[in-house]
Amino acid sequence: PVKITKHAIAAKCTELYWKKGIQNVTYNAAISYSECSKGTVYKLFKNEDELHLKTLEYYYENKLKSMEYELIKRNDVYDFIEFFFKSIDSSGCYFIITNSNRKLLGKLSNAYVIKKEKIWIKLLCNLILRHINNYKIFVKNLDVSSLAIYLMHNITLINIMKNNNNKSKDFVIIKEAIIEKISLSFKSI
């Protein structure tokens, strides 16, 4: 017999939430998809919010850690943008898509998403600062956190576009707009 764990159920439910969107799946549908009995799921998870939280934690640990590492090791914003556009998969990012719908989440999962978003914005700020230092760019009045938030919003937009099956030319337009905005931000005033 296979041991049923929170981790195993979260891994299974993550697939469903990723495919259909966390906001489009009922608790009963997730339980059914997990191939476990309701009693087992209720015993392991106090409520739907805890299941959402565990799927987000599972996804973060198994998918986003590698992307976070890529962000940490890069010193060039444009290089990261190229990497991001090449590496985004066909279904977008479960975490980012969930973040865009976080008002539909419970307290636990909402707090987790907000916490991780802050970490990503901080990582993007650090990347921007490394870029500025690496290229010895002198920029007056550059609000690094606003530029990082701009990048984060565009990462969210791209993921939503991926989920909506937008055409590849749309991604080229967005990519060019992001690069132009960053280039303008880096120009000396």
Protein backbone atom coordinates (compact mmCIF):
# COMPACT_ATOMS: atom_id res chain seq x y z
CA PRO A 1 0.00 0.00 0.00
CA VAL A 2 1.11 3.52 -0.82
CA LYS A 3 1.35 5.85 2.16
CA ILE A 4 -0.95 8.82 1.67
CA THR A 5 0.67 12.06 2.80
CA LYS A 6 -0.10 15.78 2.65
CA HIS A 7 2.79 16.10 0.23
CA ALA A 8 1.40 13.46 -2.16
CA ILE A 9 -2.09 14.98 -2.12
CA ALA A 10 -0.67 18.50 -2.61
CA ALA A 11 1.42 17.29 -5.56
CA LYS A 12 -1.63 15.74 -7.19
CA CYS A 13 -3.93 18.72 -6.55
CA THR A 14 -1.28 21.15 -7.83
CA GLU A 15 -1.68 19.54 -11.26
CA LEU A 16 -5.41 20.24 -11.25
CA TYR A 17 -5.13 23.79 -9.90
CA TRP A 18 -2.39 24.55 -12.43
CA LYS A 19 -4.48 23.25 -15.34
CA LYS A 20 -7.79 24.83 -14.43
CA GLY A 21 -6.87 27.70 -12.11
CA ILE A 22 -7.21 27.57 -8.34
CA GLN A 23 -10.31 29.79 -8.53
CA ASN A 24 -12.09 27.36 -10.89
CA VAL A 25 -11.76 24.20 -8.80
CA THR A 26 -14.05 23.33 -5.92
CA TYR A 27 -12.75 21.61 -2.82
CA ASN A 28 -14.73 18.49 -3.69
CA ALA A 29 -13.30 18.44 -7.21
CA ALA A 30 -9.78 18.69 -5.79
CA ILE A 31 -10.48 15.88 -3.34
CA SER A 32 -11.84 13.71 -6.12
CA TYR A 33 -8.83 14.46 -8.33
CA SER A 34 -6.47 13.53 -5.47
CA GLU A 35 -7.83 9.97 -5.67
CA CYS A 36 -8.16 9.89 -1.88
CA SER A 37 -11.27 9.57 0.19
CA LYS A 38 -12.90 12.68 1.61
CA GLY A 39 -12.25 11.39 5.10
CA THR A 40 -8.52 11.05 4.43
CA VAL A 41 -8.26 14.54 2.95
CA TYR A 42 -10.32 16.06 5.78
CA LYS A 43 -8.08 14.27 8.29
CA LEU A 44 -4.87 15.61 6.69
CA PHE A 45 -6.10 19.11 5.80
CA LYS A 46 -8.19 21.21 8.15
CA ASN A 47 -9.86 23.00 5.25
CA GLU A 48 -9.56 24.07 1.62
CA ASP A 49 -7.27 26.98 2.53
CA GLU A 50 -4.73 24.58 4.01
CA LEU A 51 -4.86 22.45 0.85
CA HIS A 52 -4.27 25.58 -1.27
CA LEU A 53 -1.35 26.53 0.96
CA LYS A 54 0.25 23.09 0.66
CA THR A 55 -0.08 23.12 -3.14
CA LEU A 56 1.56 26.54 -3.28
CA GLU A 57 4.37 25.36 -1.00
CA TYR A 58 4.81 22.23 -3.12
CA TYR A 59 4.96 24.24 -6.33
CA TYR A 60 7.34 26.80 -4.86
CA GLU A 61 9.74 24.16 -3.58
CA ASN A 62 9.64 21.99 -6.71
CA LYS A 63 9.37 24.55 -9.52
CA LEU A 64 10.12 28.10 -8.43
CA LYS A 65 13.30 27.43 -6.45
CA SER A 66 15.21 26.87 -9.72
CA MET A 67 13.82 30.11 -11.17
CA GLU A 68 14.77 31.92 -7.97
CA TYR A 69 18.31 30.54 -8.30
CA GLU A 70 18.48 31.84 -11.88
CA LEU A 71 17.44 35.26 -10.65
CA ILE A 72 20.07 35.25 -7.91
CA LYS A 73 22.95 34.22 -10.17
CA ARG A 74 22.34 36.74 -12.96
CA ASN A 75 23.93 40.19 -13.06
CA ASP A 76 22.16 41.55 -16.11
CA VAL A 77 18.46 42.48 -16.24
CA TYR A 78 18.27 41.94 -20.01
CA ASP A 79 19.86 38.51 -19.64
CA PHE A 80 17.21 37.57 -17.07
CA ILE A 81 14.42 38.83 -19.37
CA GLU A 82 15.77 36.67 -22.22
CA PHE A 83 16.01 33.68 -19.89
CA PHE A 84 12.49 34.27 -18.57
CA PHE A 85 10.91 34.43 -22.03
CA LYS A 86 12.74 31.30 -23.15
CA SER A 87 11.93 29.28 -20.03
CA ILE A 88 8.26 30.03 -19.46
CA ASP A 89 6.37 26.85 -20.19
CA SER A 90 3.16 26.39 -22.12
CA SER A 91 0.84 26.67 -19.13
CA GLY A 92 2.39 29.59 -17.32
CA CYS A 93 3.34 29.64 -13.66
CA TYR A 94 0.88 28.27 -11.12
CA PHE A 95 2.21 30.56 -8.39
CA ILE A 96 1.97 33.76 -10.46
CA ILE A 97 -1.48 32.89 -11.81
CA THR A 98 -2.63 32.18 -8.25
CA ASN A 99 -1.12 35.48 -7.11
CA SER A 100 -3.23 37.33 -9.66
CA ASN A 101 -6.33 35.68 -8.11
CA ARG A 102 -5.24 35.90 -4.49
CA LYS A 103 -8.36 37.78 -3.40
CA LEU A 104 -10.14 34.43 -3.82
CA LEU A 105 -7.78 32.64 -1.43
CA GLY A 106 -8.13 32.03 2.28
CA LYS A 107 -5.98 33.72 4.93
CA LEU A 108 -3.18 31.14 5.03
CA SER A 109 -2.61 30.82 1.31
CA ASN A 110 -3.07 34.56 0.73
CA ALA A 111 -0.43 35.38 3.36
CA TYR A 112 1.95 32.85 1.79
CA VAL A 113 1.51 34.34 -1.69
CA ILE A 114 2.08 37.89 -0.39
CA LYS A 115 5.22 36.77 1.49
CA LYS A 116 6.69 35.06 -1.58
CA GLU A 117 5.80 38.00 -3.84
CA LYS A 118 7.78 40.30 -1.51
CA ILE A 119 10.74 37.93 -1.76
CA TRP A 120 10.54 38.00 -5.57
CA ILE A 121 10.35 41.80 -5.64
CA LYS A 122 13.40 41.94 -3.36
CA LEU A 123 15.26 39.53 -5.66
CA LEU A 124 14.34 41.69 -8.67
CA CYS A 125 15.55 44.82 -6.80
CA ASN A 126 18.86 43.08 -6.12
CA LEU A 127 19.17 42.09 -9.78
CA ILE A 128 18.58 45.69 -10.87
CA LEU A 129 21.18 46.95 -8.40
CA ARG A 130 23.71 44.32 -9.58
CA HIS A 131 23.03 45.41 -13.16
CA ILE A 132 23.58 49.08 -12.29
CA ASN A 133 26.81 48.28 -10.41
CA ASN A 134 28.04 45.84 -13.05
CA TYR A 135 27.71 48.38 -15.87
CA LYS A 136 28.62 51.41 -13.73
CA ILE A 137 25.38 53.11 -14.68
CA PHE A 138 24.78 56.49 -13.10
CA VAL A 139 21.08 57.11 -12.80
CA LYS A 140 19.42 59.96 -10.97
CA ASN A 141 16.12 59.37 -9.25
CA LEU A 142 15.79 55.71 -10.20
CA ASP A 143 13.25 54.07 -7.95
CA VAL A 144 14.58 50.51 -7.98
CA SER A 145 11.59 49.07 -6.12
CA SER A 146 9.14 50.61 -8.62
CA LEU A 147 11.12 49.11 -11.49
CA ALA A 148 11.14 45.72 -9.73
CA ILE A 149 7.37 45.93 -9.20
CA TYR A 150 7.00 46.86 -12.89
CA LEU A 151 8.93 43.70 -13.81
CA MET A 152 6.85 41.61 -11.42
CA HIS A 153 3.60 42.93 -12.92
CA ASN A 154 4.85 42.11 -16.40
CA ILE A 155 5.84 38.60 -15.33
CA THR A 156 2.25 38.24 -14.08
CA LEU A 157 0.86 39.64 -17.35
CA ILE A 158 2.96 37.22 -19.41
CA ASN A 159 1.74 34.28 -17.34
CA ILE A 160 -1.89 35.33 -17.76
CA MET A 161 -1.29 35.68 -21.51
CA LYS A 162 0.23 32.17 -21.56
CA ASN A 163 -2.83 30.78 -19.80
CA ASN A 164 -5.04 32.52 -22.37
CA ASN A 165 -3.02 31.03 -25.25
CA ASN A 166 -1.97 34.38 -26.72
CA LYS A 167 0.01 34.37 -29.95
CA SER A 168 3.80 34.49 -29.94
CA LYS A 169 3.82 37.95 -31.57
CA ASP A 170 2.04 39.30 -28.47
CA PHE A 171 4.94 38.11 -26.32
CA VAL A 172 7.45 39.79 -28.61
CA ILE A 173 5.57 43.09 -28.22
CA ILE A 174 5.51 42.76 -24.41
CA LYS A 175 9.18 41.79 -24.30
CA GLU A 176 10.16 44.81 -26.41
CA ALA A 177 8.06 47.12 -24.22
CA ILE A 178 9.71 45.78 -21.06
CA ILE A 179 13.19 46.23 -22.51
CA GLU A 180 12.35 49.75 -23.69
CA LYS A 181 10.99 50.74 -20.26
CA ILE A 182 14.06 49.38 -18.49
CA SER A 183 16.40 51.05 -20.97
CA LEU A 184 14.66 54.38 -20.43
CA SER A 185 14.90 53.89 -16.66
CA PHE A 186 18.64 53.24 -16.90
CA LYS A 187 19.35 56.32 -18.99
CA SER A 188 21.11 59.11 -17.17
CA ILE A 189 19.00 62.17 -16.47
